[in-house]
Amino acid sequence: MRLASSPPLLTPDAFEARFGDLVELICDAAHVGHSKPFMEAQYTLLRAWMSEHFPPIAAEFSGRLQEEFESLYCAESLSVLLTQDSGALMGRLLDTQEAIVAWKQAD
């Protein structure tokens, strides 16, 4: 039974759409080489959304994949996310997108 205050569980398609916004934002900032103020504002909104909506569906993904998803929205800012990248960011983006595709196929 779901508590009245918890967010409704997302469909794979609904999650993919919003997560795609995050991926696009990260890619745009990486392409430019830094974040811009409007990108930081968008990241803050997407970070809040992911913080609320990912935990209820996190069990759909293995431990490593859960960590990869969380690593994309747990940084305090987009600039911090980019600065902390050790070259694995693109791999994490691809892994998480592939995991969503697999989730959709299994659903």
N, C-alpha and C. Protein backbone atom coordinates (compact mmCIF):
# COMPACT_ATOMS: atom_id res chain seq x y z
N MET A 1 0.84 -1.18 0.00
CA MET A 1 0.00 0.00 0.00
C MET A 1 0.89 1.25 0.00
N ARG A 2 0.58 2.16 -0.86
CA ARG A 2 1.34 3.38 -1.01
C ARG A 2 0.79 4.44 -0.07
N LEU A 3 1.71 5.15 0.60
CA LEU A 3 1.28 6.24 1.47
C LEU A 3 0.77 7.40 0.63
N ALA A 4 -0.18 8.14 1.15
CA ALA A 4 -0.76 9.25 0.42
C ALA A 4 0.27 10.30 0.05
N SER A 5 1.32 10.46 0.85
CA SER A 5 2.30 11.50 0.59
C SER A 5 3.42 11.06 -0.37
N SER A 6 3.51 9.76 -0.67
CA SER A 6 4.57 9.31 -1.57
C SER A 6 4.15 9.53 -3.02
N PRO A 7 5.14 9.79 -3.89
CA PRO A 7 4.80 10.04 -5.29
C PRO A 7 4.29 8.76 -5.95
N PRO A 8 3.45 8.90 -6.95
CA PRO A 8 2.96 7.71 -7.65
C PRO A 8 4.12 7.04 -8.38
N LEU A 9 4.06 5.72 -8.51
CA LEU A 9 5.11 5.02 -9.24
C LEU A 9 5.04 5.42 -10.70
N LEU A 10 6.18 5.58 -11.28
CA LEU A 10 6.26 6.01 -12.67
C LEU A 10 6.23 4.83 -13.62
N THR A 11 5.70 5.06 -14.78
CA THR A 11 5.84 4.08 -15.84
C THR A 11 7.25 4.23 -16.41
N PRO A 12 7.76 3.19 -17.03
CA PRO A 12 9.08 3.32 -17.66
C PRO A 12 9.14 4.47 -18.67
N ASP A 13 8.08 4.65 -19.44
CA ASP A 13 8.07 5.74 -20.44
C ASP A 13 8.12 7.11 -19.78
N ALA A 14 7.37 7.29 -18.72
CA ALA A 14 7.35 8.58 -18.03
C ALA A 14 8.71 8.88 -17.41
N PHE A 15 9.32 7.86 -16.80
CA PHE A 15 10.64 8.06 -16.22
C PHE A 15 11.66 8.36 -17.32
N GLU A 16 11.60 7.62 -18.40
CA GLU A 16 12.55 7.81 -19.50
C GLU A 16 12.48 9.23 -20.05
N ALA A 17 11.30 9.77 -20.18
CA ALA A 17 11.14 11.12 -20.71
C ALA A 17 11.83 12.16 -19.83
N ARG A 18 11.59 12.08 -18.55
CA ARG A 18 12.18 13.07 -17.62
C ARG A 18 13.68 12.84 -17.45
N PHE A 19 14.08 11.58 -17.38
CA PHE A 19 15.50 11.27 -17.27
C PHE A 19 16.23 11.73 -18.53
N GLY A 20 15.57 11.62 -19.67
CA GLY A 20 16.15 12.10 -20.93
C GLY A 20 16.46 13.58 -20.87
N ASP A 21 15.62 14.35 -20.18
CA ASP A 21 15.90 15.78 -20.00
C ASP A 21 17.21 15.98 -19.23
N LEU A 22 17.43 15.16 -18.20
CA LEU A 22 18.66 15.25 -17.42
C LEU A 22 19.87 14.88 -18.27
N VAL A 23 19.75 13.80 -19.03
CA VAL A 23 20.85 13.36 -19.89
C VAL A 23 21.19 14.44 -20.92
N GLU A 24 20.18 15.00 -21.52
CA GLU A 24 20.41 16.05 -22.52
C GLU A 24 21.11 17.26 -21.90
N LEU A 25 20.67 17.64 -20.73
CA LEU A 25 21.29 18.78 -20.03
C LEU A 25 22.76 18.50 -19.73
N ILE A 26 23.06 17.33 -19.21
CA ILE A 26 24.44 16.97 -18.89
C ILE A 26 25.29 16.96 -20.16
N CYS A 27 24.77 16.39 -21.23
CA CYS A 27 25.51 16.35 -22.49
C CYS A 27 25.76 17.75 -23.04
N ASP A 28 24.74 18.60 -22.97
CA ASP A 28 24.91 19.98 -23.45
C ASP A 28 26.00 20.71 -22.66
N ALA A 29 25.97 20.57 -21.35
CA ALA A 29 26.97 21.23 -20.52
C ALA A 29 28.36 20.66 -20.78
N ALA A 30 28.46 19.35 -20.96
CA ALA A 30 29.75 18.73 -21.25
C ALA A 30 30.27 19.20 -22.61
N HIS A 31 29.37 19.34 -23.56
CA HIS A 31 29.77 19.80 -24.90
C HIS A 31 30.32 21.23 -24.85
N VAL A 32 29.66 22.09 -24.09
CA VAL A 32 30.10 23.48 -23.94
C VAL A 32 31.39 23.54 -23.12
N GLY A 33 31.55 22.59 -22.22
CA GLY A 33 32.74 22.55 -21.37
C GLY A 33 32.53 23.11 -19.98
N HIS A 34 31.34 23.65 -19.74
CA HIS A 34 31.00 24.18 -18.42
C HIS A 34 29.48 24.40 -18.38
N SER A 35 28.98 24.64 -17.20
CA SER A 35 27.54 24.91 -17.09
C SER A 35 27.31 26.41 -17.15
N LYS A 36 26.13 26.76 -17.60
CA LYS A 36 25.71 28.17 -17.64
C LYS A 36 24.61 28.33 -16.61
N PRO A 37 24.31 29.56 -16.19
CA PRO A 37 23.29 29.76 -15.15
C PRO A 37 21.94 29.10 -15.44
N PHE A 38 21.47 29.16 -16.67
CA PHE A 38 20.18 28.53 -16.97
C PHE A 38 20.28 27.01 -16.89
N MET A 39 21.45 26.47 -17.17
CA MET A 39 21.66 25.02 -17.04
C MET A 39 21.64 24.61 -15.58
N GLU A 40 22.27 25.43 -14.73
CA GLU A 40 22.28 25.14 -13.30
C GLU A 40 20.85 25.17 -12.73
N ALA A 41 20.05 26.13 -13.19
CA ALA A 41 18.66 26.21 -12.73
C ALA A 41 17.88 24.97 -13.15
N GLN A 42 18.08 24.53 -14.39
CA GLN A 42 17.40 23.33 -14.87
C GLN A 42 17.89 22.09 -14.11
N TYR A 43 19.18 22.01 -13.84
CA TYR A 43 19.72 20.88 -13.09
C TYR A 43 19.10 20.83 -11.69
N THR A 44 18.94 21.97 -11.06
CA THR A 44 18.34 22.01 -9.73
C THR A 44 16.93 21.43 -9.77
N LEU A 45 16.15 21.79 -10.78
CA LEU A 45 14.78 21.26 -10.91
C LEU A 45 14.79 19.76 -11.18
N LEU A 46 15.66 19.32 -12.10
CA LEU A 46 15.72 17.90 -12.43
C LEU A 46 16.27 17.08 -11.26
N ARG A 47 17.20 17.66 -10.53
CA ARG A 47 17.76 16.99 -9.34
C ARG A 47 16.67 16.76 -8.30
N ALA A 48 15.84 17.76 -8.08
CA ALA A 48 14.75 17.62 -7.11
C ALA A 48 13.76 16.56 -7.59
N TRP A 49 13.44 16.57 -8.87
CA TRP A 49 12.50 15.59 -9.41
C TRP A 49 13.05 14.17 -9.27
N MET A 50 14.32 13.98 -9.64
CA MET A 50 14.94 12.66 -9.53
C MET A 50 15.03 12.21 -8.08
N SER A 51 15.34 13.12 -7.18
CA SER A 51 15.44 12.78 -5.76
C SER A 51 14.11 12.28 -5.21
N GLU A 52 13.04 12.78 -5.76
CA GLU A 52 11.71 12.36 -5.32
C GLU A 52 11.23 11.10 -6.03
N HIS A 53 11.50 10.98 -7.32
CA HIS A 53 10.89 9.92 -8.11
C HIS A 53 11.76 8.69 -8.37
N PHE A 54 13.08 8.82 -8.25
CA PHE A 54 13.91 7.65 -8.49
C PHE A 54 13.86 6.63 -7.35
N PRO A 55 13.92 7.03 -6.09
CA PRO A 55 13.95 6.02 -5.02
C PRO A 55 12.82 4.97 -5.09
N PRO A 56 11.57 5.35 -5.40
CA PRO A 56 10.53 4.31 -5.46
C PRO A 56 10.71 3.28 -6.58
N ILE A 57 11.47 3.62 -7.62
CA ILE A 57 11.68 2.66 -8.71
C ILE A 57 13.10 2.11 -8.75
N ALA A 58 13.93 2.51 -7.81
CA ALA A 58 15.34 2.12 -7.82
C ALA A 58 15.53 0.61 -7.82
N ALA A 59 14.62 -0.11 -7.21
CA ALA A 59 14.74 -1.57 -7.14
C ALA A 59 14.65 -2.23 -8.52
N GLU A 60 14.20 -1.49 -9.52
CA GLU A 60 14.16 -2.02 -10.88
C GLU A 60 15.56 -2.22 -11.46
N PHE A 61 16.55 -1.64 -10.81
CA PHE A 61 17.92 -1.65 -11.32
C PHE A 61 18.86 -2.27 -10.29
N SER A 62 19.94 -2.90 -10.78
CA SER A 62 20.90 -3.53 -9.88
C SER A 62 21.64 -2.48 -9.06
N GLY A 63 22.34 -2.91 -8.04
CA GLY A 63 23.06 -2.00 -7.17
C GLY A 63 23.99 -1.05 -7.90
N ARG A 64 24.78 -1.56 -8.84
CA ARG A 64 25.70 -0.72 -9.60
C ARG A 64 24.94 0.30 -10.43
N LEU A 65 23.86 -0.14 -11.06
CA LEU A 65 23.07 0.79 -11.87
C LEU A 65 22.37 1.83 -11.00
N GLN A 66 21.89 1.42 -9.84
CA GLN A 66 21.29 2.41 -8.92
C GLN A 66 22.31 3.50 -8.61
N GLU A 67 23.53 3.10 -8.34
CA GLU A 67 24.58 4.07 -8.04
C GLU A 67 24.88 4.97 -9.23
N GLU A 68 24.84 4.41 -10.44
CA GLU A 68 25.09 5.21 -11.63
C GLU A 68 23.98 6.25 -11.82
N PHE A 69 22.74 5.83 -11.64
CA PHE A 69 21.63 6.79 -11.73
C PHE A 69 21.82 7.90 -10.70
N GLU A 70 22.03 7.50 -9.45
CA GLU A 70 22.15 8.47 -8.36
C GLU A 70 23.33 9.42 -8.56
N SER A 71 24.40 8.94 -9.15
CA SER A 71 25.58 9.79 -9.36
C SER A 71 25.29 10.94 -10.32
N LEU A 72 24.24 10.80 -11.13
CA LEU A 72 23.92 11.83 -12.11
C LEU A 72 23.07 12.96 -11.53
N TYR A 73 22.47 12.73 -10.37
CA TYR A 73 21.65 13.79 -9.79
C TYR A 73 21.99 14.12 -8.33
N CYS A 74 22.97 13.46 -7.77
CA CYS A 74 23.32 13.73 -6.37
C CYS A 74 24.33 14.85 -6.19
N ALA A 75 25.00 15.25 -7.25
CA ALA A 75 25.94 16.37 -7.14
C ALA A 75 25.15 17.63 -6.79
N GLU A 76 25.75 18.50 -6.01
CA GLU A 76 25.03 19.70 -5.57
C GLU A 76 24.77 20.67 -6.72
N SER A 77 25.52 20.53 -7.80
CA SER A 77 25.30 21.39 -8.96
C SER A 77 25.81 20.68 -10.21
N LEU A 78 25.41 21.18 -11.34
CA LEU A 78 25.87 20.63 -12.61
C LEU A 78 27.37 20.85 -12.77
N SER A 79 27.86 22.00 -12.35
CA SER A 79 29.30 22.26 -12.46
C SER A 79 30.09 21.29 -11.60
N VAL A 80 29.59 20.95 -10.43
CA VAL A 80 30.26 19.96 -9.58
C VAL A 80 30.26 18.60 -10.26
N LEU A 81 29.14 18.22 -10.84
CA LEU A 81 29.05 16.94 -11.55
C LEU A 81 30.11 16.87 -12.65
N LEU A 82 30.23 17.93 -13.44
CA LEU A 82 31.20 17.95 -14.53
C LEU A 82 32.64 17.96 -13.99
N THR A 83 32.88 18.72 -12.94
CA THR A 83 34.22 18.82 -12.37
C THR A 83 34.67 17.49 -11.77
N GLN A 84 33.74 16.75 -11.18
CA GLN A 84 34.08 15.48 -10.54
C GLN A 84 34.22 14.33 -11.53
N ASP A 85 33.90 14.57 -12.79
CA ASP A 85 33.97 13.50 -13.78
C ASP A 85 35.42 13.08 -14.00
N SER A 86 35.63 11.79 -13.89
CA SER A 86 36.97 11.25 -14.10
C SER A 86 37.06 10.54 -15.45
N GLY A 87 36.15 10.90 -16.35
CA GLY A 87 36.12 10.28 -17.67
C GLY A 87 35.08 9.20 -17.81
N ALA A 88 34.31 8.95 -16.76
CA ALA A 88 33.32 7.87 -16.78
C ALA A 88 31.89 8.38 -17.00
N LEU A 89 31.73 9.68 -17.12
CA LEU A 89 30.38 10.25 -17.21
C LEU A 89 29.60 9.71 -18.40
N MET A 90 30.21 9.70 -19.57
CA MET A 90 29.50 9.22 -20.76
C MET A 90 29.12 7.75 -20.60
N GLY A 91 30.00 6.97 -20.03
CA GLY A 91 29.69 5.56 -19.79
C GLY A 91 28.50 5.39 -18.86
N ARG A 92 28.44 6.23 -17.82
CA ARG A 92 27.31 6.17 -16.89
C ARG A 92 26.01 6.57 -17.59
N LEU A 93 26.09 7.59 -18.44
CA LEU A 93 24.89 8.00 -19.17
C LEU A 93 24.39 6.88 -20.08
N LEU A 94 25.31 6.24 -20.78
CA LEU A 94 24.92 5.14 -21.67
C LEU A 94 24.38 3.94 -20.89
N ASP A 95 25.05 3.60 -19.80
CA ASP A 95 24.60 2.47 -18.98
C ASP A 95 23.17 2.68 -18.46
N THR A 96 22.91 3.89 -17.97
CA THR A 96 21.58 4.16 -17.40
C THR A 96 20.52 4.16 -18.49
N GLN A 97 20.84 4.70 -19.65
CA GLN A 97 19.85 4.69 -20.73
C GLN A 97 19.57 3.27 -21.22
N GLU A 98 20.60 2.45 -21.29
CA GLU A 98 20.40 1.04 -21.67
C GLU A 98 19.56 0.31 -20.62
N ALA A 99 19.75 0.64 -19.36
CA ALA A 99 18.97 0.02 -18.29
C ALA A 99 17.49 0.39 -18.40
N ILE A 100 17.22 1.62 -18.79
CA ILE A 100 15.81 2.04 -18.97
C ILE A 100 15.18 1.27 -20.12
N VAL A 101 15.92 1.10 -21.21
CA VAL A 101 15.41 0.34 -22.36
C VAL A 101 15.10 -1.10 -21.93
N ALA A 102 16.00 -1.72 -21.17
CA ALA A 102 15.75 -3.07 -20.68
C ALA A 102 14.54 -3.13 -19.77
N TRP A 103 14.38 -2.13 -18.91
CA TRP A 103 13.22 -2.05 -18.02
C TRP A 103 11.93 -1.97 -18.83
N LYS A 104 11.96 -1.14 -19.86
CA LYS A 104 10.77 -0.98 -20.71
C LYS A 104 10.43 -2.29 -21.42
N GLN A 105 11.43 -3.02 -21.85
CA GLN A 105 11.19 -4.28 -22.55
C GLN A 105 10.67 -5.35 -21.61
N ALA A 106 11.07 -5.28 -20.35
CA ALA A 106 10.63 -6.27 -19.36
C ALA A 106 9.23 -5.97 -18.83
N ASP A 107 8.81 -4.72 -18.94
CA ASP A 107 7.53 -4.30 -18.38
C ASP A 107 6.35 -4.74 -19.22
